[in-house]
Amino acid sequence: MTTDTLSAWLTQVKLPTCNFLQELMSCTLSWIMEEEVATLIGARPHERRSQRSNQRNGYRKRGWKTCVGYLELLIPKLRKGSYFPQFLKRRCLVEETLLGVVREAWVPGVSTRSMKRLAEALGTSNLSRSQVSRICRELDQRVQEFRQRPIEGDWMFLWLDATYLKVRLDGHVRSVAVLIALGVDSEGRREVLGLEVVSSESRQSWSEFLRSLQHRGLKPVRLIISDEHEGLKAAIAAVMPSRRQRCRVPFMRNLLGRSPGAIKPESPN
């Protein structure tokens, strides 16, 4: 699974994960607008400064339909003159870049470079380094709160899988494993229950990940679906001994990988 596939997969998961992606995108745009207005008038909200050249005057609502749903943005108003964000005039490029930044926030934490790239795509080139860093911290904090939230309710099925991504850590590009737990309840509602970045997929990393789900409130499930990774199977048996079923998709891919090309049907998605 690539980063683009992970991004598309996260956007397709039903409530409340999709709502959370909408919230992240909406908050990121709001933070950028607030910082841009602060630079424009020379002061942050409720800040007394001699350099202030204008005053805020409430907000006006503006809707934006995106790939993760409808966003209702609050655009700052000024007492003298007007402010209108440039990104609403160049939506396609902005939406793609914004989703990329939100996707990065799920994994190692969004970087100031990617946030600066987003600001430039939005048509904003006057944000200072401290403003960009502040937005990154706020976005990372929101993501961490979501990933560490209590797990409530009864979940009947649990999908466990991992994907390897290239990320920049400590100034170097490295390959890391992203462990993902997807829960399904009795009504068929899906939710990302956990997501953890580890150096490699092993019995120890899977065991610690499963224990973290239990500590957050995950109750015993009826069925666990996973691939045949030996470390994952051992971790399930030791930490969460539930009935386990092999996932059909990796099974079919493994089967087709050992089949002669002349008899291969169309590969499953």
C-alpha atoms as a PDB file:
ATOM      1  CA  MET A   1       0.000   0.000   0.000  1.00  0.00           C
ATOM      2  CA  THR A   2       1.486   3.343  -1.060  1.00  0.00           C
ATOM      3  CA  THR A   3       0.951   6.716   0.590  1.00  0.00           C
ATOM      4  CA  ASP A   4      -1.594   7.602  -2.095  1.00  0.00           C
ATOM      5  CA  THR A   5      -3.447   4.338  -1.450  1.00  0.00           C
ATOM      6  CA  LEU A   6      -3.366   4.984   2.290  1.00  0.00           C
ATOM      7  CA  SER A   7      -4.761   8.459   1.707  1.00  0.00           C
ATOM      8  CA  ALA A   8      -7.580   7.144  -0.497  1.00  0.00           C
ATOM      9  CA  TRP A   9      -8.326   4.350   1.973  1.00  0.00           C
ATOM     10  CA  LEU A  10      -8.582   6.749   4.899  1.00  0.00           C
ATOM     11  CA  THR A  11     -10.974   9.001   2.990  1.00  0.00           C
ATOM     12  CA  GLN A  12     -13.298   6.061   2.263  1.00  0.00           C
ATOM     13  CA  VAL A  13     -13.622   4.906   5.875  1.00  0.00           C
ATOM     14  CA  LYS A  14     -17.007   5.841   7.318  1.00  0.00           C
ATOM     15  CA  LEU A  15     -17.788   7.929  10.403  1.00  0.00           C
ATOM     16  CA  PRO A  16     -16.200   9.190  12.532  1.00  0.00           C
ATOM     17  CA  THR A  17     -12.865   8.864  10.662  1.00  0.00           C
ATOM     18  CA  CYS A  18     -14.131  10.707   7.605  1.00  0.00           C
ATOM     19  CA  ASN A  19     -15.534  13.441   9.858  1.00  0.00           C
ATOM     20  CA  PHE A  20     -12.104  13.711  11.433  1.00  0.00           C
ATOM     21  CA  LEU A  21     -10.451  14.187   8.031  1.00  0.00           C
ATOM     22  CA  GLN A  22     -12.972  16.926   7.264  1.00  0.00           C
ATOM     23  CA  GLU A  23     -12.177  18.540  10.600  1.00  0.00           C
ATOM     24  CA  LEU A  24      -8.429  18.399   9.942  1.00  0.00           C
ATOM     25  CA  MET A  25      -8.775  19.959   6.510  1.00  0.00           C
ATOM     26  CA  SER A  26     -11.160  22.633   7.766  1.00  0.00           C
ATOM     27  CA  CYS A  27      -8.980  23.472  10.779  1.00  0.00           C
ATOM     28  CA  THR A  28      -5.824  23.648   8.665  1.00  0.00           C
ATOM     29  CA  LEU A  29      -7.447  26.121   6.284  1.00  0.00           C
ATOM     30  CA  SER A  30      -8.791  28.158   9.210  1.00  0.00           C
ATOM     31  CA  TRP A  31      -5.375  28.316  10.867  1.00  0.00           C
ATOM     32  CA  ILE A  32      -3.759  29.464   7.632  1.00  0.00           C
ATOM     33  CA  MET A  33      -6.423  32.137   7.081  1.00  0.00           C
ATOM     34  CA  GLU A  34      -5.993  33.409  10.650  1.00  0.00           C
ATOM     35  CA  GLU A  35      -2.217  33.614  10.286  1.00  0.00           C
ATOM     36  CA  GLU A  36      -2.537  35.339   6.926  1.00  0.00           C
ATOM     37  CA  VAL A  37      -4.959  37.924   8.334  1.00  0.00           C
ATOM     38  CA  ALA A  38      -2.667  38.438  11.341  1.00  0.00           C
ATOM     39  CA  THR A  39       0.180  39.262   8.950  1.00  0.00           C
ATOM     40  CA  LEU A  40      -2.094  41.480   6.866  1.00  0.00           C
ATOM     41  CA  ILE A  41      -3.267  43.675   9.765  1.00  0.00           C
ATOM     42  CA  GLY A  42      -0.131  43.385  11.906  1.00  0.00           C
ATOM     43  CA  ALA A  43      -1.655  41.721  15.009  1.00  0.00           C
ATOM     44  CA  ARG A  44      -3.149  38.466  16.227  1.00  0.00           C
ATOM     45  CA  PRO A  45      -6.690  38.314  17.708  1.00  0.00           C
ATOM     46  CA  HIS A  46      -7.068  40.474  20.880  1.00  0.00           C
ATOM     47  CA  GLU A  47      -3.431  41.586  20.601  1.00  0.00           C
ATOM     48  CA  ARG A  48      -2.580  45.251  21.221  1.00  0.00           C
ATOM     49  CA  ARG A  49       0.230  46.404  18.943  1.00  0.00           C
ATOM     50  CA  SER A  50       1.275  49.765  17.595  1.00  0.00           C
ATOM     51  CA  GLN A  51       1.835  48.144  14.185  1.00  0.00           C
ATOM     52  CA  ARG A  52      -1.855  47.197  13.885  1.00  0.00           C
ATOM     53  CA  SER A  53      -3.342  48.636  10.693  1.00  0.00           C
ATOM     54  CA  ASN A  54      -6.866  47.207  10.782  1.00  0.00           C
ATOM     55  CA  GLN A  55      -9.436  45.404  12.947  1.00  0.00           C
ATOM     56  CA  ARG A  56     -11.209  42.072  12.578  1.00  0.00           C
ATOM     57  CA  ASN A  57     -14.969  42.210  12.151  1.00  0.00           C
ATOM     58  CA  GLY A  58     -16.338  38.695  12.611  1.00  0.00           C
ATOM     59  CA  TYR A  59     -16.598  35.981   9.966  1.00  0.00           C
ATOM     60  CA  ARG A  60     -18.629  35.035   6.933  1.00  0.00           C
ATOM     61  CA  LYS A  61     -19.464  31.449   5.971  1.00  0.00           C
ATOM     62  CA  ARG A  62     -18.341  29.868   2.719  1.00  0.00           C
ATOM     63  CA  GLY A  63     -18.899  26.252   1.667  1.00  0.00           C
ATOM     64  CA  TRP A  64     -16.435  24.058  -0.217  1.00  0.00           C
ATOM     65  CA  LYS A  65     -17.201  20.564  -1.529  1.00  0.00           C
ATOM     66  CA  THR A  66     -14.124  18.312  -1.328  1.00  0.00           C
ATOM     67  CA  CYS A  67     -13.267  14.627  -1.747  1.00  0.00           C
ATOM     68  CA  VAL A  68     -13.781  14.049   2.008  1.00  0.00           C
ATOM     69  CA  GLY A  69     -17.085  15.904   2.193  1.00  0.00           C
ATOM     70  CA  TYR A  70     -18.502  19.379   2.509  1.00  0.00           C
ATOM     71  CA  LEU A  71     -16.387  21.900   4.403  1.00  0.00           C
ATOM     72  CA  GLU A  72     -17.970  24.978   5.934  1.00  0.00           C
ATOM     73  CA  LEU A  73     -15.260  27.596   6.239  1.00  0.00           C
ATOM     74  CA  LEU A  74     -15.338  30.765   8.328  1.00  0.00           C
ATOM     75  CA  ILE A  75     -13.572  33.527   6.409  1.00  0.00           C
ATOM     76  CA  PRO A  76     -12.349  36.453   8.567  1.00  0.00           C
ATOM     77  CA  LYS A  77     -13.869  39.869   7.827  1.00  0.00           C
ATOM     78  CA  LEU A  78     -12.101  43.206   8.243  1.00  0.00           C
ATOM     79  CA  ARG A  79     -13.517  46.581   9.299  1.00  0.00           C
ATOM     80  CA  LYS A  80     -11.634  48.376   6.542  1.00  0.00           C
ATOM     81  CA  GLY A  81     -11.324  46.709   3.171  1.00  0.00           C
ATOM     82  CA  SER A  82     -11.869  42.994   2.615  1.00  0.00           C
ATOM     83  CA  TYR A  83     -10.052  39.678   2.778  1.00  0.00           C
ATOM     84  CA  PHE A  84     -10.716  36.672   0.528  1.00  0.00           C
ATOM     85  CA  PRO A  85      -8.487  33.562   0.531  1.00  0.00           C
ATOM     86  CA  GLN A  86      -6.849  32.813  -2.791  1.00  0.00           C
ATOM     87  CA  PHE A  87      -7.269  29.043  -2.425  1.00  0.00           C
ATOM     88  CA  LEU A  88     -11.000  29.275  -3.157  1.00  0.00           C
ATOM     89  CA  LYS A  89     -10.027  30.463  -6.654  1.00  0.00           C
ATOM     90  CA  ARG A  90      -7.717  27.513  -7.308  1.00  0.00           C
ATOM     91  CA  ARG A  91      -9.534  24.633  -5.656  1.00  0.00           C
ATOM     92  CA  CYS A  92      -8.268  21.516  -7.463  1.00  0.00           C
ATOM     93  CA  LEU A  93      -4.554  22.058  -6.795  1.00  0.00           C
ATOM     94  CA  VAL A  94      -5.224  23.172  -3.229  1.00  0.00           C
ATOM     95  CA  GLU A  95      -7.427  20.182  -2.391  1.00  0.00           C
ATOM     96  CA  GLU A  96      -4.806  17.709  -3.635  1.00  0.00           C
ATOM     97  CA  THR A  97      -1.994  19.438  -1.719  1.00  0.00           C
ATOM     98  CA  LEU A  98      -4.079  19.838   1.435  1.00  0.00           C
ATOM     99  CA  LEU A  99      -5.021  16.151   1.472  1.00  0.00           C
ATOM    100  CA  GLY A 100      -1.341  15.296   1.058  1.00  0.00           C
ATOM    101  CA  VAL A 101      -0.408  17.377   4.105  1.00  0.00           C
ATOM    102  CA  VAL A 102      -3.198  15.807   6.190  1.00  0.00           C
ATOM    103  CA  ARG A 103      -2.052  12.352   5.053  1.00  0.00           C
ATOM    104  CA  GLU A 104       1.512  13.118   6.182  1.00  0.00           C
ATOM    105  CA  ALA A 105       0.195  14.227   9.581  1.00  0.00           C
ATOM    106  CA  TRP A 106      -1.189  10.717  10.149  1.00  0.00           C
ATOM    107  CA  VAL A 107       2.255   9.128   9.874  1.00  0.00           C
ATOM    108  CA  PRO A 108       5.404  10.862  11.246  1.00  0.00           C
ATOM    109  CA  GLY A 109       3.959  14.332  11.739  1.00  0.00           C
ATOM    110  CA  VAL A 110       3.669  17.080   9.174  1.00  0.00           C
ATOM    111  CA  SER A 111       6.850  19.014   8.382  1.00  0.00           C
ATOM    112  CA  THR A 112       7.272  22.770   8.085  1.00  0.00           C
ATOM    113  CA  ARG A 113       8.424  22.220   4.502  1.00  0.00           C
ATOM    114  CA  SER A 114       5.186  20.473   3.492  1.00  0.00           C
ATOM    115  CA  MET A 115       3.102  23.105   5.299  1.00  0.00           C
ATOM    116  CA  LYS A 116       5.032  25.843   3.513  1.00  0.00           C
ATOM    117  CA  ARG A 117       4.329  24.055   0.233  1.00  0.00           C
ATOM    118  CA  LEU A 118       0.638  24.003   1.111  1.00  0.00           C
ATOM    119  CA  ALA A 119       0.663  27.722   1.916  1.00  0.00           C
ATOM    120  CA  GLU A 120       2.228  28.450  -1.472  1.00  0.00           C
ATOM    121  CA  ALA A 121      -0.440  26.306  -3.191  1.00  0.00           C
ATOM    122  CA  LEU A 122      -3.036  28.350  -1.340  1.00  0.00           C
ATOM    123  CA  GLY A 123      -1.522  31.507  -2.813  1.00  0.00           C
ATOM    124  CA  THR A 124      -0.087  32.551   0.571  1.00  0.00           C
ATOM    125  CA  SER A 125       3.604  33.431   0.473  1.00  0.00           C
ATOM    126  CA  ASN A 126       3.882  35.823   3.417  1.00  0.00           C
ATOM    127  CA  LEU A 127       3.672  33.379   6.349  1.00  0.00           C
ATOM    128  CA  SER A 128       6.701  33.482   8.618  1.00  0.00           C
ATOM    129  CA  ARG A 129       8.581  30.400   9.750  1.00  0.00           C
ATOM    130  CA  SER A 130       7.128  30.714  13.258  1.00  0.00           C
ATOM    131  CA  GLN A 131       3.583  30.875  11.867  1.00  0.00           C
ATOM    132  CA  VAL A 132       4.147  27.746   9.772  1.00  0.00           C
ATOM    133  CA  SER A 133       5.624  25.925  12.789  1.00  0.00           C
ATOM    134  CA  ARG A 134       2.637  26.915  14.927  1.00  0.00           C
ATOM    135  CA  ILE A 135       0.202  25.472  12.360  1.00  0.00           C
ATOM    136  CA  CYS A 136       2.245  22.236  12.193  1.00  0.00           C
ATOM    137  CA  ARG A 137       2.128  21.838  15.973  1.00  0.00           C
ATOM    138  CA  GLU A 138      -1.630  22.383  16.080  1.00  0.00           C
ATOM    139  CA  LEU A 139      -2.217  19.860  13.285  1.00  0.00           C
ATOM    140  CA  ASP A 140       0.057  17.268  14.900  1.00  0.00           C
ATOM    141  CA  GLN A 141      -1.721  17.756  18.235  1.00  0.00           C
ATOM    142  CA  ARG A 142      -5.151  17.140  16.675  1.00  0.00           C
ATOM    143  CA  VAL A 143      -3.907  13.942  15.024  1.00  0.00           C
ATOM    144  CA  GLN A 144      -2.311  12.665  18.243  1.00  0.00           C
ATOM    145  CA  GLU A 145      -5.522  13.296  20.173  1.00  0.00           C
ATOM    146  CA  PHE A 146      -7.475  11.273  17.612  1.00  0.00           C
ATOM    147  CA  ARG A 147      -4.965   8.404  17.597  1.00  0.00           C
ATOM    148  CA  GLN A 148      -4.940   8.223  21.413  1.00  0.00           C
ATOM    149  CA  ARG A 149      -8.700   8.653  21.944  1.00  0.00           C
ATOM    150  CA  PRO A 150     -10.602   6.068  24.056  1.00  0.00           C
ATOM    151  CA  ILE A 151     -12.115   3.210  22.038  1.00  0.00           C
ATOM    152  CA  GLU A 152     -15.805   3.016  22.906  1.00  0.00           C
ATOM    153  CA  GLY A 153     -18.559   0.600  21.949  1.00  0.00           C
ATOM    154  CA  ASP A 154     -18.530  -3.038  20.844  1.00  0.00           C
ATOM    155  CA  TRP A 155     -16.572  -3.994  17.753  1.00  0.00           C
ATOM    156  CA  MET A 156     -17.355  -7.372  16.200  1.00  0.00           C
ATOM    157  CA  PHE A 157     -14.611  -7.550  13.553  1.00  0.00           C
ATOM    158  CA  LEU A 158     -11.053  -6.275  13.483  1.00  0.00           C
ATOM    159  CA  TRP A 159      -8.902  -5.958  10.363  1.00  0.00           C
ATOM    160  CA  LEU A 160      -5.151  -5.776  11.001  1.00  0.00           C
ATOM    161  CA  ASP A 161      -2.650  -4.861   8.315  1.00  0.00           C
ATOM    162  CA  ALA A 162       0.589  -2.980   7.781  1.00  0.00           C
ATOM    163  CA  THR A 163       1.994  -0.874   4.972  1.00  0.00           C
ATOM    164  CA  TYR A 164       5.515   0.418   4.401  1.00  0.00           C
ATOM    165  CA  LEU A 165       6.006   4.102   3.635  1.00  0.00           C
ATOM    166  CA  LYS A 166       8.979   6.334   2.903  1.00  0.00           C
ATOM    167  CA  VAL A 167       9.132   9.145   5.456  1.00  0.00           C
ATOM    168  CA  ARG A 168      11.662  11.775   6.474  1.00  0.00           C
ATOM    169  CA  LEU A 169      12.927  11.257  10.027  1.00  0.00           C
ATOM    170  CA  ASP A 170      15.778  13.251  11.569  1.00  0.00           C
ATOM    171  CA  GLY A 171      16.725  14.615   8.172  1.00  0.00           C
ATOM    172  CA  HIS A 172      16.890  11.200   6.468  1.00  0.00           C
ATOM    173  CA  VAL A 173      14.388   9.330   4.282  1.00  0.00           C
ATOM    174  CA  ARG A 174      13.601   5.955   5.825  1.00  0.00           C
ATOM    175  CA  SER A 175      11.193   3.105   5.257  1.00  0.00           C
ATOM    176  CA  VAL A 176       8.829   2.578   8.195  1.00  0.00           C
ATOM    177  CA  ALA A 177       5.923   0.220   8.871  1.00  0.00           C
ATOM    178  CA  VAL A 178       2.492   1.691   9.583  1.00  0.00           C
ATOM    179  CA  LEU A 179       0.330  -0.700  11.634  1.00  0.00           C
ATOM    180  CA  ILE A 180      -3.398  -0.178  11.071  1.00  0.00           C
ATOM    181  CA  ALA A 181      -6.432  -1.529  12.943  1.00  0.00           C
ATOM    182  CA  LEU A 182      -9.846  -1.150  11.310  1.00  0.00           C
ATOM    183  CA  GLY A 183     -12.923  -2.046  13.378  1.00  0.00           C
ATOM    184  CA  VAL A 184     -16.411  -2.947  12.166  1.00  0.00           C
ATOM    185  CA  ASP A 185     -19.441  -2.954  14.483  1.00  0.00           C
ATOM    186  CA  SER A 186     -22.710  -4.901  14.277  1.00  0.00           C
ATOM    187  CA  GLU A 187     -24.256  -2.260  11.999  1.00  0.00           C
ATOM    188  CA  GLY A 188     -21.411  -2.413   9.486  1.00  0.00           C
ATOM    189  CA  ARG A 189     -19.897   0.920  10.527  1.00  0.00           C
ATOM    190  CA  ARG A 190     -16.152   1.065   9.960  1.00  0.00           C
ATOM    191  CA  GLU A 191     -13.666   3.114  11.926  1.00  0.00           C
ATOM    192  CA  VAL A 192      -9.898   3.381  12.118  1.00  0.00           C
ATOM    193  CA  LEU A 193      -9.286   2.316  15.727  1.00  0.00           C
ATOM    194  CA  GLY A 194      -5.527   2.568  15.701  1.00  0.00           C
ATOM    195  CA  LEU A 195      -2.556   3.610  13.589  1.00  0.00           C
ATOM    196  CA  GLU A 196       1.035   3.312  14.728  1.00  0.00           C
ATOM    197  CA  VAL A 197       4.387   3.980  13.018  1.00  0.00           C
ATOM    198  CA  VAL A 198       7.144   1.479  13.864  1.00  0.00           C
ATOM    199  CA  SER A 199      10.590   0.726  12.481  1.00  0.00           C
ATOM    200  CA  SER A 200       9.573  -2.755  11.263  1.00  0.00           C
ATOM    201  CA  GLU A 201       6.689  -5.217  11.341  1.00  0.00           C
ATOM    202  CA  SER A 202       7.479  -7.838  14.007  1.00  0.00           C
ATOM    203  CA  ARG A 203       5.876  -9.826  16.788  1.00  0.00           C
ATOM    204  CA  GLN A 204       7.011  -7.252  19.350  1.00  0.00           C
ATOM    205  CA  SER A 205       5.692  -4.240  17.422  1.00  0.00           C
ATOM    206  CA  TRP A 206       2.345  -5.952  16.766  1.00  0.00           C
ATOM    207  CA  SER A 207       2.060  -7.058  20.409  1.00  0.00           C
ATOM    208  CA  GLU A 208       2.666  -3.531  21.691  1.00  0.00           C
ATOM    209  CA  PHE A 209       0.167  -2.158  19.156  1.00  0.00           C
ATOM    210  CA  LEU A 210      -2.550  -4.652  20.193  1.00  0.00           C
ATOM    211  CA  ARG A 211      -1.944  -3.927  23.893  1.00  0.00           C
ATOM    212  CA  SER A 212      -2.306  -0.215  23.208  1.00  0.00           C
ATOM    213  CA  LEU A 213      -5.726  -0.899  21.637  1.00  0.00           C
ATOM    214  CA  GLN A 214      -6.770  -2.834  24.738  1.00  0.00           C
ATOM    215  CA  HIS A 215      -5.510  -0.100  27.068  1.00  0.00           C
ATOM    216  CA  ARG A 216      -7.600   2.407  25.134  1.00  0.00           C
ATOM    217  CA  GLY A 217     -10.718   0.321  25.749  1.00  0.00           C
ATOM    218  CA  LEU A 218     -11.009  -2.217  22.915  1.00  0.00           C
ATOM    219  CA  LYS A 219     -13.104  -5.179  24.071  1.00  0.00           C
ATOM    220  CA  PRO A 220     -12.703  -8.754  22.769  1.00  0.00           C
ATOM    221  CA  VAL A 221     -13.852  -9.059  19.147  1.00  0.00           C
ATOM    222  CA  ARG A 222     -15.642 -11.935  17.426  1.00  0.00           C
ATOM    223  CA  LEU A 223     -13.248 -12.261  14.486  1.00  0.00           C
ATOM    224  CA  ILE A 224      -9.827 -10.897  13.473  1.00  0.00           C
ATOM    225  CA  ILE A 225      -8.879 -10.724   9.787  1.00  0.00           C
ATOM    226  CA  SER A 226      -5.201 -10.514   8.849  1.00  0.00           C
ATOM    227  CA  ASP A 227      -2.557 -11.809   6.470  1.00  0.00           C
ATOM    228  CA  GLU A 228      -0.150 -14.673   7.226  1.00  0.00           C
ATOM    229  CA  HIS A 229       2.665 -12.598   8.713  1.00  0.00           C
ATOM    230  CA  GLU A 230       4.189 -14.852  11.379  1.00  0.00           C
ATOM    231  CA  GLY A 231       4.866 -12.023  13.832  1.00  0.00           C
ATOM    232  CA  LEU A 232       1.284 -10.778  13.550  1.00  0.00           C
ATOM    233  CA  LYS A 233      -0.199 -14.248  14.034  1.00  0.00           C
ATOM    234  CA  ALA A 234       1.978 -14.827  17.114  1.00  0.00           C
ATOM    235  CA  ALA A 235       1.006 -11.437  18.574  1.00  0.00           C
ATOM    236  CA  ILE A 236      -2.714 -12.147  18.070  1.00  0.00           C
ATOM    237  CA  ALA A 237      -2.401 -15.531  19.758  1.00  0.00           C
ATOM    238  CA  ALA A 238      -0.534 -14.052  22.730  1.00  0.00           C
ATOM    239  CA  VAL A 239      -2.350 -10.736  23.264  1.00  0.00           C
ATOM    240  CA  MET A 240      -5.784 -11.027  21.694  1.00  0.00           C
ATOM    241  CA  PRO A 241      -6.682 -14.723  21.356  1.00  0.00           C
ATOM    242  CA  SER A 242      -9.755 -14.473  19.144  1.00  0.00           C
ATOM    243  CA  ARG A 243     -10.841 -16.462  16.131  1.00  0.00           C
ATOM    244  CA  ARG A 244      -8.666 -15.418  13.169  1.00  0.00           C
ATOM    245  CA  GLN A 245      -9.366 -15.579   9.457  1.00  0.00           C
ATOM    246  CA  ARG A 246      -6.904 -15.131   6.623  1.00  0.00           C
ATOM    247  CA  CYS A 247      -7.659 -12.106   4.456  1.00  0.00           C
ATOM    248  CA  ARG A 248      -8.633 -13.117   0.925  1.00  0.00           C
ATOM    249  CA  VAL A 249      -6.861 -10.286  -0.900  1.00  0.00           C
ATOM    250  CA  PRO A 250      -3.239 -11.109   0.107  1.00  0.00           C
ATOM    251  CA  PHE A 251      -4.088 -14.820  -0.251  1.00  0.00           C
ATOM    252  CA  MET A 252      -5.173 -14.291  -3.875  1.00  0.00           C
ATOM    253  CA  ARG A 253      -2.143 -12.118  -4.579  1.00  0.00           C
ATOM    254  CA  ASN A 254       0.196 -14.768  -3.180  1.00  0.00           C
ATOM    255  CA  LEU A 255      -1.588 -17.441  -5.203  1.00  0.00           C
ATOM    256  CA  LEU A 256      -1.414 -15.448  -8.432  1.00  0.00           C
ATOM    257  CA  GLY A 257       2.242 -14.675  -7.777  1.00  0.00           C
ATOM    258  CA  ARG A 258       3.010 -18.390  -7.972  1.00  0.00           C
ATOM    259  CA  SER A 259       0.833 -19.061 -11.012  1.00  0.00           C
ATOM    260  CA  PRO A 260       2.058 -19.148 -14.632  1.00  0.00           C
ATOM    261  CA  GLY A 261       1.386 -15.886 -16.420  1.00  0.00           C
ATOM    262  CA  ALA A 262      -0.614 -17.581 -19.181  1.00  0.00           C
ATOM    263  CA  ILE A 263      -3.347 -18.717 -16.795  1.00  0.00           C
ATOM    264  CA  LYS A 264      -3.523 -15.641 -14.595  1.00  0.00           C
ATOM    265  CA  PRO A 265      -6.919 -13.916 -14.487  1.00  0.00           C
ATOM    266  CA  GLU A 266      -7.250 -10.208 -13.871  1.00  0.00           C
ATOM    267  CA  SER A 267      -5.535  -9.352 -10.576  1.00  0.00           C
ATOM    268  CA  PRO A 268      -7.810  -8.343  -7.656  1.00  0.00           C
ATOM    269  CA  ASN A 269      -7.768  -4.708  -6.578  1.00  0.00           C
END
